[in-house]
Amino acid sequence: MPAEETSTHIQTRPAPIALSERAAGEIRKIMSTKDIPEGFHLRVGVRGGGCSGMSYILGFDKMREHDTSFEINGVTVYMDKRHGLYLMGTTVDYHDGLNARGFTFENPNATQTCGCGSSFAA
């Protein structure tokens, strides 16, 4: 496959993360009701900072140089290949109840998490 095609190729191997059907449905809803620019898809990742050392990234973005992409429950997901070590096996879920509302991360690699669930230590 020519190099220019590999940057937009969607992987057929299993994704390192999972999106629950609730999370995928909410992502599809957001993408259909908000002005998400053409070519932007869901980005999942990590960055340094937060109460426990690393924070999760969840937003819409275009594909970047070190990214890999996956199709999960009908949602195209971009993730920097270097973040796979921290996110392998993570499930992104969505809750819309009285006790919890929003996206959550269930990360088996997290050795410590903060009370709000948006940061972790690996």
C-alpha atoms as a PDB file:
ATOM      1  CA  MET A   1       0.000   0.000   0.000  1.00  0.00           C
ATOM      2  CA  PRO A   2       1.477   3.447  -0.907  1.00  0.00           C
ATOM      3  CA  ALA A   3       2.561   5.602   2.046  1.00  0.00           C
ATOM      4  CA  GLU A   4      -0.045   8.277   1.388  1.00  0.00           C
ATOM      5  CA  GLU A   5      -2.826   5.715   1.758  1.00  0.00           C
ATOM      6  CA  THR A   6      -1.578   4.245   5.040  1.00  0.00           C
ATOM      7  CA  SER A   7      -2.224   7.460   6.973  1.00  0.00           C
ATOM      8  CA  THR A   8      -5.967   7.175   6.362  1.00  0.00           C
ATOM      9  CA  HIS A   9      -6.237   3.380   6.462  1.00  0.00           C
ATOM     10  CA  ILE A  10      -8.625   2.063   9.096  1.00  0.00           C
ATOM     11  CA  GLN A  11      -7.151  -0.880  10.975  1.00  0.00           C
ATOM     12  CA  THR A  12      -8.875  -4.242  10.698  1.00  0.00           C
ATOM     13  CA  ARG A  13      -7.154  -5.787  13.726  1.00  0.00           C
ATOM     14  CA  PRO A  14      -8.846  -5.531  17.144  1.00  0.00           C
ATOM     15  CA  ALA A  15      -8.879  -2.044  18.639  1.00  0.00           C
ATOM     16  CA  PRO A  16      -6.824  -1.522  21.804  1.00  0.00           C
ATOM     17  CA  ILE A  17      -9.831   0.158  23.433  1.00  0.00           C
ATOM     18  CA  ALA A  18     -13.572  -0.476  23.468  1.00  0.00           C
ATOM     19  CA  LEU A  19     -16.541   1.870  23.224  1.00  0.00           C
ATOM     20  CA  SER A  20     -19.704   0.695  24.902  1.00  0.00           C
ATOM     21  CA  GLU A  21     -22.806   0.864  22.737  1.00  0.00           C
ATOM     22  CA  ARG A  22     -24.072   3.719  24.978  1.00  0.00           C
ATOM     23  CA  ALA A  23     -20.837   5.680  24.425  1.00  0.00           C
ATOM     24  CA  ALA A  24     -20.878   5.026  20.672  1.00  0.00           C
ATOM     25  CA  GLY A  25     -24.513   6.126  20.486  1.00  0.00           C
ATOM     26  CA  GLU A  26     -23.750   9.359  22.331  1.00  0.00           C
ATOM     27  CA  ILE A  27     -20.738  10.034  20.066  1.00  0.00           C
ATOM     28  CA  ARG A  28     -22.885   9.486  16.961  1.00  0.00           C
ATOM     29  CA  LYS A  29     -25.546  11.806  18.426  1.00  0.00           C
ATOM     30  CA  ILE A  30     -22.982  14.552  19.145  1.00  0.00           C
ATOM     31  CA  MET A  31     -21.498  14.217  15.656  1.00  0.00           C
ATOM     32  CA  SER A  32     -24.930  14.543  14.032  1.00  0.00           C
ATOM     33  CA  THR A  33     -26.133  17.504  16.130  1.00  0.00           C
ATOM     34  CA  LYS A  34     -22.950  19.599  16.528  1.00  0.00           C
ATOM     35  CA  ASP A  35     -20.833  21.283  13.879  1.00  0.00           C
ATOM     36  CA  ILE A  36     -18.016  18.731  13.845  1.00  0.00           C
ATOM     37  CA  PRO A  37     -15.781  19.627  10.847  1.00  0.00           C
ATOM     38  CA  GLU A  38     -15.487  17.224   7.921  1.00  0.00           C
ATOM     39  CA  GLY A  39     -12.673  14.717   8.459  1.00  0.00           C
ATOM     40  CA  PHE A  40     -12.771  15.028  12.256  1.00  0.00           C
ATOM     41  CA  HIS A  41     -13.495  11.916  14.315  1.00  0.00           C
ATOM     42  CA  LEU A  42     -13.286  10.829  17.938  1.00  0.00           C
ATOM     43  CA  ARG A  43      -9.829  11.086  19.524  1.00  0.00           C
ATOM     44  CA  VAL A  44      -9.030   9.024  22.609  1.00  0.00           C
ATOM     45  CA  GLY A  45      -5.690   9.440  24.341  1.00  0.00           C
ATOM     46  CA  VAL A  46      -3.763  10.479  27.427  1.00  0.00           C
ATOM     47  CA  ARG A  47      -1.621  13.436  28.483  1.00  0.00           C
ATOM     48  CA  GLY A  48       0.518  14.198  31.499  1.00  0.00           C
ATOM     49  CA  GLY A  49      -1.211  15.998  34.355  1.00  0.00           C
ATOM     50  CA  GLY A  50      -4.233  15.541  36.548  1.00  0.00           C
ATOM     51  CA  CYS A  51      -4.543  14.529  40.196  1.00  0.00           C
ATOM     52  CA  SER A  52      -3.134  11.040  39.646  1.00  0.00           C
ATOM     53  CA  GLY A  53      -0.490  11.768  36.997  1.00  0.00           C
ATOM     54  CA  MET A  54      -2.186  11.277  33.606  1.00  0.00           C
ATOM     55  CA  SER A  55      -5.442  12.619  32.204  1.00  0.00           C
ATOM     56  CA  TYR A  56      -7.651  11.108  29.542  1.00  0.00           C
ATOM     57  CA  ILE A  57      -8.254  12.868  26.225  1.00  0.00           C
ATOM     58  CA  LEU A  58     -11.664  12.543  24.597  1.00  0.00           C
ATOM     59  CA  GLY A  59     -12.685  14.900  21.816  1.00  0.00           C
ATOM     60  CA  PHE A  60     -12.941  15.397  18.077  1.00  0.00           C
ATOM     61  CA  ASP A  61      -9.860  15.870  15.955  1.00  0.00           C
ATOM     62  CA  LYS A  62      -8.330  15.171  12.555  1.00  0.00           C
ATOM     63  CA  MET A  63      -5.835  12.380  11.993  1.00  0.00           C
ATOM     64  CA  ARG A  64      -2.228  13.191  12.958  1.00  0.00           C
ATOM     65  CA  GLU A  65       1.185  11.767  12.063  1.00  0.00           C
ATOM     66  CA  HIS A  66       1.494   9.083  14.789  1.00  0.00           C
ATOM     67  CA  ASP A  67      -2.165   8.072  14.790  1.00  0.00           C
ATOM     68  CA  THR A  68      -3.820   4.803  14.142  1.00  0.00           C
ATOM     69  CA  SER A  69      -7.547   4.607  13.519  1.00  0.00           C
ATOM     70  CA  PHE A  70     -10.161   2.046  14.379  1.00  0.00           C
ATOM     71  CA  GLU A  71     -13.822   1.540  13.656  1.00  0.00           C
ATOM     72  CA  ILE A  72     -15.594   0.702  16.939  1.00  0.00           C
ATOM     73  CA  ASN A  73     -19.391   0.300  17.079  1.00  0.00           C
ATOM     74  CA  GLY A  74     -19.761   2.492  13.999  1.00  0.00           C
ATOM     75  CA  VAL A  75     -17.478   5.259  15.310  1.00  0.00           C
ATOM     76  CA  THR A  76     -14.091   6.072  13.783  1.00  0.00           C
ATOM     77  CA  VAL A  77     -11.571   6.517  16.592  1.00  0.00           C
ATOM     78  CA  TYR A  78      -8.132   8.117  16.310  1.00  0.00           C
ATOM     79  CA  MET A  79      -5.445   7.313  18.858  1.00  0.00           C
ATOM     80  CA  ASP A  80      -1.755   8.147  18.967  1.00  0.00           C
ATOM     81  CA  LYS A  81       0.068   4.800  18.730  1.00  0.00           C
ATOM     82  CA  ARG A  82       2.241   5.820  21.683  1.00  0.00           C
ATOM     83  CA  HIS A  83      -0.833   6.001  23.950  1.00  0.00           C
ATOM     84  CA  GLY A  84      -1.712   2.343  23.418  1.00  0.00           C
ATOM     85  CA  LEU A  85       0.521   1.285  26.315  1.00  0.00           C
ATOM     86  CA  TYR A  86      -1.635   3.296  28.739  1.00  0.00           C
ATOM     87  CA  LEU A  87      -5.017   2.590  27.170  1.00  0.00           C
ATOM     88  CA  MET A  88      -4.818  -1.096  26.155  1.00  0.00           C
ATOM     89  CA  GLY A  89      -8.011  -2.790  27.332  1.00  0.00           C
ATOM     90  CA  THR A  90      -9.751   0.458  28.363  1.00  0.00           C
ATOM     91  CA  THR A  91     -13.507   0.720  27.881  1.00  0.00           C
ATOM     92  CA  VAL A  92     -15.083   4.134  27.306  1.00  0.00           C
ATOM     93  CA  ASP A  93     -18.671   4.165  28.552  1.00  0.00           C
ATOM     94  CA  TYR A  94     -21.392   6.794  28.845  1.00  0.00           C
ATOM     95  CA  HIS A  95     -23.761   7.270  31.766  1.00  0.00           C
ATOM     96  CA  ASP A  96     -26.883   9.421  31.780  1.00  0.00           C
ATOM     97  CA  GLY A  97     -28.325   8.894  35.240  1.00  0.00           C
ATOM     98  CA  LEU A  98     -28.924  10.771  38.460  1.00  0.00           C
ATOM     99  CA  ASN A  99     -25.690   9.591  40.104  1.00  0.00           C
ATOM    100  CA  ALA A 100     -23.419   9.875  37.087  1.00  0.00           C
ATOM    101  CA  ARG A 101     -23.557  11.687  33.774  1.00  0.00           C
ATOM    102  CA  GLY A 102     -20.927  11.740  31.057  1.00  0.00           C
ATOM    103  CA  PHE A 103     -18.163   9.596  29.643  1.00  0.00           C
ATOM    104  CA  THR A 104     -16.194   7.268  31.897  1.00  0.00           C
ATOM    105  CA  PHE A 105     -12.990   5.287  31.427  1.00  0.00           C
ATOM    106  CA  GLU A 106     -12.576   1.775  32.799  1.00  0.00           C
ATOM    107  CA  ASN A 107      -8.825   1.252  32.518  1.00  0.00           C
ATOM    108  CA  PRO A 108      -7.324  -2.068  33.680  1.00  0.00           C
ATOM    109  CA  ASN A 109      -3.831  -0.501  33.538  1.00  0.00           C
ATOM    110  CA  ALA A 110      -4.630   2.187  36.104  1.00  0.00           C
ATOM    111  CA  THR A 111      -2.940   1.503  39.426  1.00  0.00           C
ATOM    112  CA  GLN A 112      -4.492   4.609  40.975  1.00  0.00           C
ATOM    113  CA  THR A 113      -7.361   6.900  39.952  1.00  0.00           C
ATOM    114  CA  CYS A 114      -8.639  10.214  41.178  1.00  0.00           C
ATOM    115  CA  GLY A 115     -12.100  10.705  42.657  1.00  0.00           C
ATOM    116  CA  CYS A 116     -13.531  12.280  39.505  1.00  0.00           C
ATOM    117  CA  GLY A 117     -12.250   9.454  37.267  1.00  0.00           C
ATOM    118  CA  SER A 118     -10.590  11.753  34.730  1.00  0.00           C
ATOM    119  CA  SER A 119      -6.990  10.978  35.693  1.00  0.00           C
ATOM    120  CA  PHE A 120      -4.954   7.919  36.604  1.00  0.00           C
ATOM    121  CA  ALA A 121      -1.508   6.530  37.320  1.00  0.00           C
ATOM    122  CA  ALA A 122      -0.170   3.509  35.455  1.00  0.00           C
END
